[in-house]
Structures are given as structure tokens and as C-alpha cells.
């Protein structure tokens, strides 16, 4: 099972899992700096918000993709896979796409 870094979107060779968020070793210092900054300012520390904010800043041309009219059997297969792997549907779709395009 391959997981993607929530900050850079790459498959890391090593990293830290915090809840359902994986942070690769390369991105960890930047995340820790933002956590420290928020704690010092007395702000809420939410890993999901922090990782998405940094991801969007690093990837301004990232694609927001909505899949409409997905066949029900494919939708069920993705949901089942995501539940079995304890990951989000988004992560399951990204992993499937990454595995598909790694062939090229």
C-alpha cells in the first residue's frame, strides 16, 4: 500500500503518520515550523488545514477534479478499498492514478 505525502503529494520513502495524514521527511521541517508558529500565536493547530494550505501554496497550479456520473460499481469499489485501507476516497483515487501513470 502506497500512501502520498499530504504536503507535496509524492510517494515518500519515509515519513511520519499523524492520524490519517502522512508527512514525508522532506516536508516535516516546514510543517513543524508552521505548527510552532501557530502554537506561539495561540492559534488552533489543525494538521489537515496546515498541510492543505502548504500544499496549495507549493502547487498553485494543482488540479481540482470533480468526477461526476461515476459508474456505481466503480464508486463502490473505490469506497470499499478506501475503507479497507483506512484512507479517504480522495487518497484512494490519487493512489490509483499514481499507480496507473507510474507505468509510463
N, C-alpha and C. Protein backbone atom coordinates (compact mmCIF):
# COMPACT_ATOMS: atom_id res chain seq x y z
N UNK A 1 0.83 -1.18 0.00
CA UNK A 1 0.00 0.00 0.00
C UNK A 1 0.87 1.24 0.00
N UNK A 2 0.68 2.10 -0.97
CA UNK A 2 1.44 3.33 -1.06
C UNK A 2 0.58 4.49 -0.57
N UNK A 3 1.16 5.30 0.29
CA UNK A 3 0.49 6.50 0.75
C UNK A 3 1.19 7.71 0.16
N UNK A 4 0.46 8.80 0.04
CA UNK A 4 1.01 10.03 -0.51
C UNK A 4 1.24 11.03 0.60
N UNK A 5 2.32 11.80 0.48
CA UNK A 5 2.57 12.88 1.42
C UNK A 5 1.47 13.92 1.25
N UNK A 6 0.89 14.36 2.34
CA UNK A 6 -0.20 15.34 2.28
C UNK A 6 0.28 16.73 1.92
N UNK A 7 1.58 16.95 1.95
CA UNK A 7 2.12 18.28 1.64
C UNK A 7 2.60 18.37 0.20
N UNK A 8 3.43 17.42 -0.23
CA UNK A 8 3.99 17.51 -1.58
C UNK A 8 3.26 16.61 -2.58
N UNK A 9 2.46 15.65 -2.09
CA UNK A 9 1.70 14.78 -2.98
C UNK A 9 2.50 13.66 -3.59
N UNK A 10 3.73 13.45 -3.11
CA UNK A 10 4.58 12.39 -3.66
C UNK A 10 4.53 11.16 -2.76
N UNK A 11 4.95 10.02 -3.30
CA UNK A 11 5.06 8.81 -2.51
C UNK A 11 6.40 8.86 -1.79
N UNK A 12 6.39 9.00 -0.48
CA UNK A 12 7.66 9.16 0.25
C UNK A 12 8.36 7.82 0.51
N UNK A 13 9.68 7.91 0.65
CA UNK A 13 10.44 6.73 1.04
C UNK A 13 10.35 6.53 2.55
N UNK A 14 10.18 7.64 3.28
CA UNK A 14 9.97 7.56 4.72
C UNK A 14 9.24 8.82 5.17
N UNK A 15 8.53 8.70 6.28
CA UNK A 15 7.78 9.84 6.76
C UNK A 15 7.09 9.52 8.07
N UNK A 16 6.23 10.44 8.50
CA UNK A 16 5.53 10.32 9.76
C UNK A 16 4.04 10.37 9.51
N UNK A 17 3.32 9.43 10.13
CA UNK A 17 1.88 9.39 10.01
C UNK A 17 1.28 10.03 11.26
N UNK A 18 0.44 11.04 11.05
CA UNK A 18 -0.27 11.70 12.15
C UNK A 18 -1.74 11.56 11.85
N UNK A 19 -2.40 10.66 12.53
CA UNK A 19 -3.79 10.37 12.19
C UNK A 19 -3.84 9.76 10.81
N UNK A 20 -4.55 10.41 9.90
CA UNK A 20 -4.61 9.94 8.51
C UNK A 20 -3.74 10.78 7.59
N UNK A 21 -2.88 11.59 8.18
CA UNK A 21 -2.03 12.49 7.39
C UNK A 21 -0.61 11.96 7.41
N UNK A 22 -0.05 11.75 6.21
CA UNK A 22 1.34 11.33 6.07
C UNK A 22 2.16 12.53 5.65
N UNK A 23 3.25 12.75 6.36
CA UNK A 23 4.17 13.84 6.03
C UNK A 23 5.54 13.21 5.79
N UNK A 24 6.07 13.43 4.58
CA UNK A 24 7.38 12.85 4.27
C UNK A 24 8.47 13.61 5.04
N UNK A 25 9.62 12.99 5.16
CA UNK A 25 10.72 13.59 5.92
C UNK A 25 11.17 14.93 5.32
N UNK A 26 11.03 15.07 4.02
CA UNK A 26 11.44 16.32 3.37
C UNK A 26 10.51 17.48 3.74
N UNK A 27 9.23 17.21 3.94
CA UNK A 27 8.25 18.26 4.24
C UNK A 27 8.09 18.52 5.74
N UNK A 28 8.57 17.62 6.56
CA UNK A 28 8.34 17.71 8.00
C UNK A 28 8.85 19.01 8.63
N UNK A 29 10.05 19.51 8.29
CA UNK A 29 10.50 20.76 8.91
C UNK A 29 9.58 21.95 8.64
N UNK A 30 9.04 22.02 7.45
CA UNK A 30 8.13 23.11 7.11
C UNK A 30 6.83 23.01 7.90
N UNK A 31 6.33 21.80 8.05
CA UNK A 31 5.11 21.58 8.84
C UNK A 31 5.36 21.93 10.30
N UNK A 32 6.48 21.47 10.83
CA UNK A 32 6.80 21.74 12.24
C UNK A 32 6.95 23.23 12.49
N UNK A 33 7.54 23.95 11.56
CA UNK A 33 7.68 25.41 11.70
C UNK A 33 6.31 26.08 11.76
N UNK A 34 5.37 25.62 10.93
CA UNK A 34 4.01 26.19 10.93
C UNK A 34 3.28 25.83 12.22
N UNK A 35 3.46 24.62 12.71
CA UNK A 35 2.85 24.22 13.98
C UNK A 35 3.38 25.11 15.10
N UNK A 36 4.69 25.27 15.15
CA UNK A 36 5.31 26.10 16.19
C UNK A 36 4.80 27.54 16.11
N UNK A 37 4.70 28.07 14.88
CA UNK A 37 4.22 29.44 14.70
C UNK A 37 2.80 29.60 15.23
N UNK A 38 1.94 28.62 14.90
CA UNK A 38 0.54 28.69 15.34
C UNK A 38 0.43 28.54 16.85
N UNK A 39 1.22 27.64 17.42
CA UNK A 39 1.18 27.46 18.89
C UNK A 39 1.65 28.72 19.59
N UNK A 40 2.71 29.34 19.09
CA UNK A 40 3.23 30.57 19.69
C UNK A 40 2.22 31.71 19.60
N UNK A 41 1.43 31.72 18.53
CA UNK A 41 0.43 32.77 18.34
C UNK A 41 -0.89 32.43 19.04
N UNK A 42 -0.96 31.26 19.66
CA UNK A 42 -2.18 30.85 20.34
C UNK A 42 -3.29 30.44 19.39
N UNK A 43 -2.92 30.08 18.17
CA UNK A 43 -3.90 29.69 17.16
C UNK A 43 -4.15 28.18 17.21
N UNK A 44 -5.26 27.80 16.63
CA UNK A 44 -5.62 26.39 16.53
C UNK A 44 -4.63 25.66 15.62
N UNK A 45 -4.19 24.47 16.05
CA UNK A 45 -3.30 23.66 15.23
C UNK A 45 -4.12 22.50 14.67
N UNK A 46 -4.41 22.58 13.38
CA UNK A 46 -5.17 21.55 12.68
C UNK A 46 -4.30 21.05 11.54
N UNK A 47 -3.83 19.81 11.66
CA UNK A 47 -2.89 19.27 10.67
C UNK A 47 -3.47 19.25 9.26
N UNK A 48 -4.75 18.94 9.13
CA UNK A 48 -5.35 18.91 7.81
C UNK A 48 -5.31 20.29 7.17
N UNK A 49 -5.69 21.31 7.92
CA UNK A 49 -5.66 22.67 7.38
C UNK A 49 -4.24 23.12 7.04
N UNK A 50 -3.30 22.79 7.90
CA UNK A 50 -1.91 23.18 7.67
C UNK A 50 -1.36 22.52 6.42
N UNK A 51 -1.56 21.21 6.30
CA UNK A 51 -0.99 20.51 5.13
C UNK A 51 -1.64 20.97 3.83
N UNK A 52 -2.96 21.19 3.82
CA UNK A 52 -3.63 21.65 2.60
C UNK A 52 -3.18 23.07 2.23
N UNK A 53 -3.01 23.93 3.23
CA UNK A 53 -2.57 25.30 2.96
C UNK A 53 -1.18 25.30 2.32
N UNK A 54 -0.28 24.52 2.88
CA UNK A 54 1.09 24.46 2.34
C UNK A 54 1.08 23.79 0.97
N UNK A 55 0.28 22.73 0.80
CA UNK A 55 0.18 22.07 -0.50
C UNK A 55 -0.26 23.05 -1.57
N UNK A 56 -1.31 23.83 -1.27
CA UNK A 56 -1.82 24.79 -2.25
C UNK A 56 -0.82 25.89 -2.54
N UNK A 57 -0.06 26.31 -1.52
CA UNK A 57 0.96 27.34 -1.73
C UNK A 57 2.09 26.80 -2.61
N UNK A 58 2.50 25.56 -2.38
CA UNK A 58 3.59 24.96 -3.16
C UNK A 58 3.15 24.56 -4.56
N UNK A 59 1.86 24.30 -4.73
CA UNK A 59 1.33 23.81 -6.00
C UNK A 59 0.19 24.70 -6.47
N UNK A 60 0.49 25.93 -6.86
CA UNK A 60 -0.59 26.85 -7.24
C UNK A 60 -1.36 26.39 -8.48
N UNK A 61 -0.77 25.54 -9.27
CA UNK A 61 -1.43 25.05 -10.48
C UNK A 61 -2.04 23.67 -10.28
N UNK A 62 -2.21 23.28 -9.01
CA UNK A 62 -2.78 21.95 -8.77
C UNK A 62 -4.20 21.88 -9.31
N UNK A 63 -4.58 20.69 -9.65
CA UNK A 63 -5.87 20.47 -10.29
C UNK A 63 -6.91 20.12 -9.23
N UNK A 64 -8.03 20.78 -9.30
CA UNK A 64 -9.19 20.38 -8.51
C UNK A 64 -10.08 19.61 -9.46
N UNK A 65 -10.30 18.36 -9.14
CA UNK A 65 -11.01 17.48 -10.05
C UNK A 65 -12.28 16.97 -9.40
N UNK A 66 -13.38 17.15 -10.07
CA UNK A 66 -14.64 16.58 -9.63
C UNK A 66 -15.06 15.54 -10.65
N UNK A 67 -15.37 14.37 -10.16
CA UNK A 67 -15.79 13.30 -11.05
C UNK A 67 -17.30 13.14 -10.91
N UNK A 68 -18.00 13.41 -11.98
CA UNK A 68 -19.46 13.31 -11.98
C UNK A 68 -19.88 12.07 -12.77
N UNK A 69 -21.02 11.55 -12.41
CA UNK A 69 -21.60 10.41 -13.13
C UNK A 69 -20.66 9.21 -13.17
N UNK A 70 -19.99 8.96 -12.06
CA UNK A 70 -19.11 7.79 -11.97
C UNK A 70 -19.99 6.54 -11.89
N UNK A 71 -19.66 5.51 -12.64
CA UNK A 71 -20.44 4.28 -12.56
C UNK A 71 -20.51 3.77 -11.12
N UNK A 72 -21.68 3.32 -10.74
CA UNK A 72 -21.91 2.92 -9.36
C UNK A 72 -20.96 1.80 -8.90
N UNK A 73 -20.66 0.83 -9.78
CA UNK A 73 -19.77 -0.25 -9.38
C UNK A 73 -18.36 0.25 -9.11
N UNK A 74 -17.90 1.22 -9.91
CA UNK A 74 -16.57 1.81 -9.68
C UNK A 74 -16.57 2.62 -8.38
N UNK A 75 -17.63 3.38 -8.16
CA UNK A 75 -17.76 4.17 -6.94
C UNK A 75 -17.74 3.26 -5.71
N UNK A 76 -18.46 2.16 -5.77
CA UNK A 76 -18.49 1.22 -4.65
C UNK A 76 -17.13 0.58 -4.43
N UNK A 77 -16.44 0.26 -5.52
CA UNK A 77 -15.11 -0.35 -5.40
C UNK A 77 -14.13 0.61 -4.74
N UNK A 78 -14.17 1.89 -5.11
CA UNK A 78 -13.28 2.89 -4.52
C UNK A 78 -13.59 3.06 -3.04
N UNK A 79 -14.87 3.16 -2.70
CA UNK A 79 -15.26 3.32 -1.29
C UNK A 79 -14.84 2.11 -0.46
N UNK A 80 -15.04 0.92 -1.02
CA UNK A 80 -14.66 -0.30 -0.30
C UNK A 80 -13.16 -0.33 -0.07
N UNK A 81 -12.38 -0.03 -1.11
CA UNK A 81 -10.92 -0.01 -0.99
C UNK A 81 -10.48 1.01 0.05
N UNK A 82 -11.08 2.20 0.02
CA UNK A 82 -10.71 3.25 0.96
C UNK A 82 -11.01 2.82 2.40
N UNK A 83 -12.15 2.17 2.61
CA UNK A 83 -12.49 1.69 3.95
C UNK A 83 -11.54 0.60 4.42
N UNK A 84 -11.23 -0.33 3.53
CA UNK A 84 -10.32 -1.42 3.89
C UNK A 84 -8.93 -0.92 4.24
N UNK A 85 -8.47 0.11 3.55
CA UNK A 85 -7.13 0.66 3.77
C UNK A 85 -7.12 1.78 4.81
N UNK A 86 -8.31 2.14 5.31
CA UNK A 86 -8.46 3.21 6.29
C UNK A 86 -7.90 4.54 5.76
N UNK A 87 -8.26 4.85 4.52
CA UNK A 87 -7.85 6.10 3.89
C UNK A 87 -9.09 6.78 3.31
N UNK A 88 -8.93 8.01 2.89
CA UNK A 88 -10.06 8.72 2.29
C UNK A 88 -10.26 8.28 0.83
N UNK A 89 -11.44 8.55 0.31
CA UNK A 89 -11.71 8.25 -1.09
C UNK A 89 -10.75 9.05 -1.98
N UNK A 90 -10.48 10.30 -1.59
CA UNK A 90 -9.54 11.14 -2.34
C UNK A 90 -8.17 10.45 -2.44
N UNK A 91 -7.68 9.96 -1.30
CA UNK A 91 -6.39 9.27 -1.31
C UNK A 91 -6.43 8.02 -2.17
N UNK A 92 -7.53 7.29 -2.12
CA UNK A 92 -7.65 6.07 -2.92
C UNK A 92 -7.60 6.38 -4.41
N UNK A 93 -8.29 7.45 -4.82
CA UNK A 93 -8.28 7.84 -6.23
C UNK A 93 -6.88 8.31 -6.64
N UNK A 94 -6.23 9.10 -5.79
CA UNK A 94 -4.88 9.58 -6.11
C UNK A 94 -3.88 8.43 -6.22
N UNK A 95 -3.99 7.47 -5.32
CA UNK A 95 -3.10 6.31 -5.37
C UNK A 95 -3.34 5.51 -6.65
N UNK A 96 -4.60 5.32 -7.01
CA UNK A 96 -4.92 4.58 -8.25
C UNK A 96 -4.36 5.31 -9.47
N UNK A 97 -4.53 6.62 -9.51
CA UNK A 97 -3.99 7.40 -10.63
C UNK A 97 -2.46 7.33 -10.66
N UNK A 98 -1.83 7.46 -9.49
CA UNK A 98 -0.36 7.40 -9.42
C UNK A 98 0.14 6.05 -9.91
N UNK A 99 -0.49 4.97 -9.45
CA UNK A 99 -0.08 3.63 -9.88
C UNK A 99 -0.28 3.43 -11.37
N UNK A 100 -1.36 3.98 -11.91
CA UNK A 100 -1.60 3.87 -13.35
C UNK A 100 -0.53 4.61 -14.14
N UNK A 101 -0.24 5.85 -13.76
CA UNK A 101 0.71 6.65 -14.53
C UNK A 101 2.16 6.30 -14.25
N UNK A 102 2.45 5.55 -13.19
CA UNK A 102 3.82 5.06 -12.96
C UNK A 102 4.25 4.08 -14.05
N UNK A 103 3.30 3.52 -14.78
CA UNK A 103 3.60 2.56 -15.84
C UNK A 103 4.22 3.24 -17.06
N UNK A 104 4.06 4.55 -17.18
CA UNK A 104 4.53 5.26 -18.37
C UNK A 104 5.90 5.85 -18.17
